[in-house]
C-alpha cells in the first residue's frame, strides 16, 4: 500500500450493531468520541450502527420489522381496507 495517501484519522474502528450486538473491526475515518473493548481484548474507537450484515434481512433471510412509528401497521390497515372494497 502506498504511504501517506490515507487521512491521519484512518484507523481500526469497532462497529457495533445495536440490534444484535455483533461487532466488526474495520479501518475507517469515521469520527467517534467513545471507546470500547472488542472481543479480542483490545480497545478501539466505537461506532454504533442500527443495521449491519448480521442483522439485515437480506443477509440473514429473516424478516424483522424495525418500525417504531407504526408505519407498517398503517400500511397493512390500508391494504386490508382496499381488499375489503373489492
N, C-alpha and C. Protein backbone atom coordinates (compact mmCIF):
# COMPACT_ATOMS: atom_id res chain seq x y z
N UNK A 1 0.84 -1.17 0.00
CA UNK A 1 0.00 0.00 0.00
C UNK A 1 0.90 1.24 0.00
N UNK A 2 0.49 2.25 -0.74
CA UNK A 2 1.27 3.48 -0.80
C UNK A 2 1.22 4.21 0.53
N UNK A 3 2.33 4.80 0.91
CA UNK A 3 2.39 5.54 2.17
C UNK A 3 1.86 6.94 1.97
N UNK A 4 1.28 7.47 3.04
CA UNK A 4 0.80 8.86 3.12
C UNK A 4 -0.30 9.20 2.12
N UNK A 5 -1.14 8.23 1.74
CA UNK A 5 -2.28 8.56 0.88
C UNK A 5 -3.58 8.55 1.68
N UNK A 6 -3.55 7.97 2.88
CA UNK A 6 -4.75 7.93 3.71
C UNK A 6 -4.75 9.11 4.68
N UNK A 7 -5.94 9.58 5.09
CA UNK A 7 -6.02 10.65 6.08
C UNK A 7 -5.41 10.22 7.41
N UNK A 8 -5.06 11.17 8.24
CA UNK A 8 -4.47 10.88 9.55
C UNK A 8 -5.43 10.14 10.47
N UNK A 9 -6.73 10.30 10.24
CA UNK A 9 -7.73 9.67 11.11
C UNK A 9 -8.09 8.25 10.67
N UNK A 10 -7.40 7.71 9.69
CA UNK A 10 -7.66 6.35 9.20
C UNK A 10 -7.06 5.36 10.19
N UNK A 11 -7.96 4.62 10.90
CA UNK A 11 -7.52 3.70 11.95
C UNK A 11 -8.55 2.60 12.11
N UNK A 12 -8.22 1.51 12.80
CA UNK A 12 -9.21 0.46 13.06
C UNK A 12 -10.30 0.99 13.99
N UNK A 13 -11.56 0.74 13.63
CA UNK A 13 -12.71 1.19 14.41
C UNK A 13 -13.61 -0.01 14.68
N UNK A 14 -14.15 -0.08 15.88
CA UNK A 14 -15.08 -1.14 16.26
C UNK A 14 -16.49 -0.67 15.91
N UNK A 15 -17.12 -1.33 14.94
CA UNK A 15 -18.50 -1.04 14.58
C UNK A 15 -19.37 -2.04 15.32
N UNK A 16 -20.32 -1.55 16.11
CA UNK A 16 -21.18 -2.40 16.92
C UNK A 16 -22.62 -2.27 16.46
N UNK A 17 -23.26 -3.39 16.15
CA UNK A 17 -24.65 -3.42 15.74
C UNK A 17 -25.53 -3.29 16.98
N UNK A 18 -26.34 -2.25 17.05
CA UNK A 18 -27.16 -2.02 18.24
C UNK A 18 -28.36 -2.97 18.33
N UNK A 19 -28.72 -3.63 17.24
CA UNK A 19 -29.88 -4.52 17.28
C UNK A 19 -29.55 -5.93 17.77
N UNK A 20 -28.31 -6.39 17.54
CA UNK A 20 -27.98 -7.74 17.99
C UNK A 20 -26.61 -7.86 18.67
N UNK A 21 -25.87 -6.76 18.78
CA UNK A 21 -24.60 -6.78 19.49
C UNK A 21 -23.41 -7.30 18.70
N UNK A 22 -23.58 -7.54 17.42
CA UNK A 22 -22.46 -8.03 16.60
C UNK A 22 -21.38 -6.94 16.50
N UNK A 23 -20.13 -7.38 16.42
CA UNK A 23 -19.01 -6.44 16.36
C UNK A 23 -18.16 -6.71 15.12
N UNK A 24 -17.71 -5.62 14.49
CA UNK A 24 -16.84 -5.69 13.33
C UNK A 24 -15.72 -4.68 13.51
N UNK A 25 -14.49 -5.07 13.28
CA UNK A 25 -13.36 -4.15 13.33
C UNK A 25 -12.95 -3.86 11.88
N UNK A 26 -13.14 -2.59 11.49
CA UNK A 26 -12.89 -2.17 10.12
C UNK A 26 -12.10 -0.86 10.16
N UNK A 27 -11.13 -0.71 9.29
CA UNK A 27 -10.41 0.55 9.21
C UNK A 27 -11.31 1.61 8.62
N UNK A 28 -11.35 2.79 9.27
CA UNK A 28 -12.27 3.83 8.85
C UNK A 28 -11.77 5.19 9.32
N UNK A 29 -12.37 6.24 8.76
CA UNK A 29 -12.09 7.61 9.19
C UNK A 29 -13.27 8.21 9.93
N UNK A 30 -14.27 7.41 10.29
CA UNK A 30 -15.47 7.91 10.95
C UNK A 30 -15.08 8.57 12.28
N UNK A 31 -15.76 9.69 12.58
CA UNK A 31 -15.50 10.42 13.83
C UNK A 31 -16.19 9.72 14.99
N UNK A 32 -15.45 9.41 16.04
CA UNK A 32 -16.01 8.75 17.21
C UNK A 32 -15.56 9.49 18.46
N UNK A 33 -16.36 9.39 19.52
CA UNK A 33 -16.00 10.03 20.77
C UNK A 33 -15.86 9.01 21.91
N UNK A 34 -16.29 7.78 21.68
CA UNK A 34 -16.23 6.75 22.71
C UNK A 34 -15.28 5.63 22.28
N UNK A 35 -14.83 4.87 23.29
CA UNK A 35 -14.02 3.69 23.02
C UNK A 35 -14.63 2.51 23.75
N UNK A 36 -14.33 1.31 23.27
CA UNK A 36 -14.84 0.09 23.90
C UNK A 36 -13.88 -1.05 23.60
N UNK A 37 -13.93 -2.07 24.45
CA UNK A 37 -13.11 -3.25 24.24
C UNK A 37 -13.83 -4.20 23.30
N UNK A 38 -13.09 -4.72 22.36
CA UNK A 38 -13.64 -5.70 21.42
C UNK A 38 -13.47 -7.09 22.02
N UNK A 39 -13.97 -8.08 21.32
CA UNK A 39 -13.86 -9.47 21.78
C UNK A 39 -12.42 -9.95 21.82
N UNK A 40 -11.54 -9.29 21.07
CA UNK A 40 -10.14 -9.68 21.09
C UNK A 40 -9.37 -9.08 22.27
N UNK A 41 -10.05 -8.28 23.11
CA UNK A 41 -9.45 -7.72 24.31
C UNK A 41 -8.82 -6.36 24.13
N UNK A 42 -8.69 -5.89 22.90
CA UNK A 42 -8.09 -4.58 22.63
C UNK A 42 -9.17 -3.50 22.67
N UNK A 43 -8.74 -2.29 22.95
CA UNK A 43 -9.67 -1.16 22.99
C UNK A 43 -9.60 -0.39 21.67
N UNK A 44 -10.78 -0.08 21.12
CA UNK A 44 -10.90 0.61 19.85
C UNK A 44 -11.90 1.75 19.98
N UNK A 45 -11.81 2.75 19.08
CA UNK A 45 -12.90 3.72 18.99
C UNK A 45 -14.14 2.96 18.53
N UNK A 46 -15.30 3.27 19.10
CA UNK A 46 -16.52 2.51 18.78
C UNK A 46 -17.52 3.40 18.06
N UNK A 47 -18.20 2.82 17.07
CA UNK A 47 -19.26 3.49 16.33
C UNK A 47 -20.45 2.56 16.27
N UNK A 48 -21.61 3.01 16.76
CA UNK A 48 -22.82 2.19 16.79
C UNK A 48 -23.57 2.31 15.46
N UNK A 49 -24.00 1.18 14.92
CA UNK A 49 -24.81 1.14 13.71
C UNK A 49 -26.13 0.46 14.03
N UNK A 50 -27.20 0.87 13.34
CA UNK A 50 -28.51 0.28 13.59
C UNK A 50 -28.68 -1.06 12.89
N UNK A 51 -28.14 -1.18 11.69
CA UNK A 51 -28.28 -2.41 10.90
C UNK A 51 -26.94 -2.75 10.28
N UNK A 52 -26.57 -4.02 10.35
CA UNK A 52 -25.34 -4.49 9.71
C UNK A 52 -25.67 -5.77 8.95
N UNK A 53 -24.67 -6.38 8.37
CA UNK A 53 -24.90 -7.61 7.61
C UNK A 53 -25.36 -8.74 8.52
N UNK A 54 -25.10 -8.66 9.82
CA UNK A 54 -25.53 -9.73 10.72
C UNK A 54 -26.98 -9.57 11.16
N UNK A 55 -27.60 -8.40 10.89
CA UNK A 55 -28.99 -8.22 11.30
C UNK A 55 -29.91 -7.83 10.15
N UNK A 56 -29.37 -7.53 8.97
CA UNK A 56 -30.20 -7.12 7.85
C UNK A 56 -30.91 -8.33 7.25
N UNK A 57 -32.22 -8.22 7.00
CA UNK A 57 -32.99 -9.36 6.47
C UNK A 57 -32.45 -9.91 5.16
N UNK A 58 -31.85 -9.10 4.32
CA UNK A 58 -31.31 -9.59 3.05
C UNK A 58 -30.22 -10.63 3.29
N UNK A 59 -29.38 -10.40 4.27
CA UNK A 59 -28.26 -11.31 4.54
C UNK A 59 -28.66 -12.46 5.47
N UNK A 60 -29.59 -12.22 6.39
CA UNK A 60 -29.98 -13.26 7.34
C UNK A 60 -31.09 -14.15 6.82
N UNK A 61 -31.89 -13.64 5.89
CA UNK A 61 -33.02 -14.41 5.39
C UNK A 61 -34.21 -14.38 6.32
N UNK A 62 -34.15 -13.58 7.37
CA UNK A 62 -35.24 -13.47 8.33
C UNK A 62 -35.92 -12.12 8.18
N UNK A 63 -37.26 -12.13 8.30
CA UNK A 63 -38.00 -10.88 8.26
C UNK A 63 -37.98 -10.27 9.64
N UNK A 64 -37.61 -9.01 9.71
CA UNK A 64 -37.54 -8.32 11.01
C UNK A 64 -38.06 -6.91 10.81
N UNK A 65 -39.05 -6.54 11.59
CA UNK A 65 -39.65 -5.22 11.46
C UNK A 65 -38.99 -4.28 12.45
N UNK A 66 -38.37 -3.23 11.94
CA UNK A 66 -37.75 -2.22 12.78
C UNK A 66 -38.53 -0.92 12.63
N UNK A 67 -39.81 -0.95 13.00
CA UNK A 67 -40.67 0.21 12.82
C UNK A 67 -41.15 0.70 14.17
N UNK A 68 -40.79 1.91 14.51
CA UNK A 68 -41.23 2.46 15.79
C UNK A 68 -42.35 3.46 15.62
N UNK A 69 -42.64 3.88 14.41
CA UNK A 69 -43.65 4.90 14.18
C UNK A 69 -45.00 4.31 13.77
N UNK A 70 -45.10 3.00 13.62
CA UNK A 70 -46.37 2.38 13.26
C UNK A 70 -46.70 2.46 11.79
N UNK A 71 -45.72 2.73 10.96
CA UNK A 71 -45.97 2.87 9.52
C UNK A 71 -46.39 1.56 8.89
N UNK A 72 -45.82 0.47 9.35
CA UNK A 72 -46.15 -0.84 8.78
C UNK A 72 -47.61 -1.19 9.09
N UNK A 73 -48.02 -0.93 10.33
CA UNK A 73 -49.39 -1.23 10.71
C UNK A 73 -50.39 -0.39 9.91
N UNK A 74 -50.08 0.90 9.70
CA UNK A 74 -50.94 1.77 8.91
C UNK A 74 -51.06 1.25 7.48
N UNK A 75 -49.94 0.81 6.91
CA UNK A 75 -49.95 0.27 5.55
C UNK A 75 -50.81 -0.99 5.47
N UNK A 76 -50.66 -1.87 6.45
CA UNK A 76 -51.45 -3.11 6.45
C UNK A 76 -52.93 -2.82 6.59
N UNK A 77 -53.28 -1.80 7.39
CA UNK A 77 -54.69 -1.43 7.54
C UNK A 77 -55.25 -0.90 6.22
N UNK A 78 -54.49 -0.06 5.53
CA UNK A 78 -54.93 0.47 4.24
C UNK A 78 -55.10 -0.66 3.23
N UNK A 79 -54.17 -1.60 3.26
CA UNK A 79 -54.22 -2.73 2.33
C UNK A 79 -55.45 -3.59 2.60
N UNK A 80 -55.74 -3.83 3.89
CA UNK A 80 -56.92 -4.65 4.25
C UNK A 80 -58.20 -3.93 3.84
N UNK A 81 -58.24 -2.60 4.03
CA UNK A 81 -59.42 -1.83 3.67
C UNK A 81 -59.65 -1.87 2.17
N UNK A 82 -58.57 -1.78 1.39
CA UNK A 82 -58.68 -1.81 -0.07
C UNK A 82 -59.15 -3.19 -0.55
N UNK A 83 -58.68 -4.24 0.09
CA UNK A 83 -59.11 -5.59 -0.29
C UNK A 83 -60.57 -5.84 0.06
N UNK A 84 -61.05 -5.24 1.15
CA UNK A 84 -62.43 -5.46 1.56
C UNK A 84 -63.41 -4.74 0.62
N UNK A 85 -62.98 -3.69 -0.06
CA UNK A 85 -63.82 -2.95 -1.00
C UNK A 85 -63.98 -3.71 -2.32
N UNK A 86 -63.08 -4.63 -2.61
CA UNK A 86 -63.11 -5.36 -3.90
C UNK A 86 -64.25 -6.30 -3.98
